[in-house]
Amino acid sequence: MFKTLIYVVLMIFLIVILGSVLLEQFPQLVPLWNEFKLIVAELYESSKVKYGTIATIAIIFAVAMMIGTSRIG
């Protein structure tokens, strides 16, 4: 359990570092990234209004679990 938690934290850190490097190397992606963040925030807010905060967090967690446990190949 602890090993999995460390793994998740390290993967989040890796994604953040990789994203920062990509946005520094390709500055033309910054407007696209900002638009993506606005779309995700709007989707979250509309889901929160429709289903409530706890259900929205549960949906996000369930989707993350589905993506994280899927086996490709």
C-alpha atoms as a PDB file:
ATOM      1  CA  MET A   1       0.000   0.000   0.000  1.00  0.00           C
ATOM      2  CA  PHE A   2       2.767   2.421   0.966  1.00  0.00           C
ATOM      3  CA  LYS A   3       4.753   1.422  -2.113  1.00  0.00           C
ATOM      4  CA  THR A   4       1.749   2.207  -4.329  1.00  0.00           C
ATOM      5  CA  LEU A   5       1.262   5.588  -2.677  1.00  0.00           C
ATOM      6  CA  ILE A   6       4.927   6.477  -3.230  1.00  0.00           C
ATOM      7  CA  TYR A   7       4.612   5.321  -6.848  1.00  0.00           C
ATOM      8  CA  VAL A   8       1.548   7.550  -7.420  1.00  0.00           C
ATOM      9  CA  VAL A   9       3.271  10.587  -5.893  1.00  0.00           C
ATOM     10  CA  LEU A  10       6.392  10.026  -7.997  1.00  0.00           C
ATOM     11  CA  MET A  11       4.354   9.616 -11.191  1.00  0.00           C
ATOM     12  CA  ILE A  12       2.477  12.863 -10.493  1.00  0.00           C
ATOM     13  CA  PHE A  13       5.826  14.586  -9.924  1.00  0.00           C
ATOM     14  CA  LEU A  14       7.145  13.131 -13.203  1.00  0.00           C
ATOM     15  CA  ILE A  15       4.087  14.334 -15.118  1.00  0.00           C
ATOM     16  CA  VAL A  16       4.434  17.838 -13.653  1.00  0.00           C
ATOM     17  CA  ILE A  17       8.138  18.039 -14.525  1.00  0.00           C
ATOM     18  CA  LEU A  18       7.557  16.653 -18.023  1.00  0.00           C
ATOM     19  CA  GLY A  19       4.712  19.101 -18.599  1.00  0.00           C
ATOM     20  CA  SER A  20       6.841  22.039 -17.480  1.00  0.00           C
ATOM     21  CA  VAL A  21       9.651  21.033 -19.813  1.00  0.00           C
ATOM     22  CA  LEU A  22       7.250  20.579 -22.734  1.00  0.00           C
ATOM     23  CA  LEU A  23       5.655  23.971 -22.183  1.00  0.00           C
ATOM     24  CA  GLU A  24       9.095  25.611 -21.967  1.00  0.00           C
ATOM     25  CA  GLN A  25      10.323  23.920 -25.138  1.00  0.00           C
ATOM     26  CA  PHE A  26       7.113  24.511 -27.096  1.00  0.00           C
ATOM     27  CA  PRO A  27       5.664  27.888 -26.021  1.00  0.00           C
ATOM     28  CA  GLN A  28       3.041  27.711 -28.779  1.00  0.00           C
ATOM     29  CA  LEU A  29       1.309  24.993 -26.707  1.00  0.00           C
ATOM     30  CA  VAL A  30       0.565  27.378 -23.814  1.00  0.00           C
ATOM     31  CA  PRO A  31      -2.728  28.735 -25.284  1.00  0.00           C
ATOM     32  CA  LEU A  32      -3.845  25.169 -26.031  1.00  0.00           C
ATOM     33  CA  TRP A  33      -3.008  24.117 -22.458  1.00  0.00           C
ATOM     34  CA  ASN A  34      -4.912  27.098 -21.024  1.00  0.00           C
ATOM     35  CA  GLU A  35      -7.952  26.240 -23.167  1.00  0.00           C
ATOM     36  CA  PHE A  36      -7.781  22.624 -21.982  1.00  0.00           C
ATOM     37  CA  LYS A  37      -7.688  23.759 -18.340  1.00  0.00           C
ATOM     38  CA  LEU A  38     -10.741  25.984 -18.899  1.00  0.00           C
ATOM     39  CA  ILE A  39     -12.673  23.110 -20.498  1.00  0.00           C
ATOM     40  CA  VAL A  40     -11.810  20.729 -17.652  1.00  0.00           C
ATOM     41  CA  ALA A  41     -12.764  23.323 -15.022  1.00  0.00           C
ATOM     42  CA  GLU A  42     -16.068  24.004 -16.772  1.00  0.00           C
ATOM     43  CA  LEU A  43     -16.788  20.264 -17.009  1.00  0.00           C
ATOM     44  CA  TYR A  44     -15.998  19.855 -13.308  1.00  0.00           C
ATOM     45  CA  GLU A  45     -18.255  22.759 -12.314  1.00  0.00           C
ATOM     46  CA  SER A  46     -21.172  21.515 -14.421  1.00  0.00           C
ATOM     47  CA  SER A  47     -20.752  18.007 -13.000  1.00  0.00           C
ATOM     48  CA  LYS A  48     -20.646  19.438  -9.485  1.00  0.00           C
ATOM     49  CA  VAL A  49     -23.898  21.284 -10.073  1.00  0.00           C
ATOM     50  CA  LYS A  50     -25.624  18.263 -11.612  1.00  0.00           C
ATOM     51  CA  TYR A  51     -24.361  15.470  -9.319  1.00  0.00           C
ATOM     52  CA  GLY A  52     -22.930  17.195  -6.252  1.00  0.00           C
ATOM     53  CA  THR A  53     -19.413  17.452  -4.915  1.00  0.00           C
ATOM     54  CA  ILE A  54     -19.008  13.971  -3.458  1.00  0.00           C
ATOM     55  CA  ALA A  55     -20.440  12.219  -6.519  1.00  0.00           C
ATOM     56  CA  THR A  56     -18.213  14.280  -8.821  1.00  0.00           C
ATOM     57  CA  ILE A  57     -15.110  13.367  -6.823  1.00  0.00           C
ATOM     58  CA  ALA A  58     -16.219   9.717  -6.870  1.00  0.00           C
ATOM     59  CA  ILE A  59     -16.620   9.866 -10.669  1.00  0.00           C
ATOM     60  CA  ILE A  60     -13.143  11.379 -11.081  1.00  0.00           C
ATOM     61  CA  PHE A  61     -11.668   8.738  -8.787  1.00  0.00           C
ATOM     62  CA  ALA A  62     -13.468   5.934 -10.653  1.00  0.00           C
ATOM     63  CA  VAL A  63     -12.229   7.166 -14.031  1.00  0.00           C
ATOM     64  CA  ALA A  64      -8.684   7.448 -12.701  1.00  0.00           C
ATOM     65  CA  MET A  65      -8.909   3.904 -11.332  1.00  0.00           C
ATOM     66  CA  MET A  66     -10.214   2.588 -14.651  1.00  0.00           C
ATOM     67  CA  ILE A  67      -7.391   4.249 -16.564  1.00  0.00           C
ATOM     68  CA  GLY A  68      -4.781   3.177 -14.033  1.00  0.00           C
ATOM     69  CA  THR A  69      -5.819  -0.478 -13.949  1.00  0.00           C
ATOM     70  CA  SER A  70      -6.479  -1.000 -17.656  1.00  0.00           C
ATOM     71  CA  ARG A  71      -4.269  -3.543 -19.354  1.00  0.00           C
ATOM     72  CA  ILE A  72      -3.275  -2.779 -22.910  1.00  0.00           C
ATOM     73  CA  GLY A  73      -1.914  -5.604 -25.002  1.00  0.00           C
END
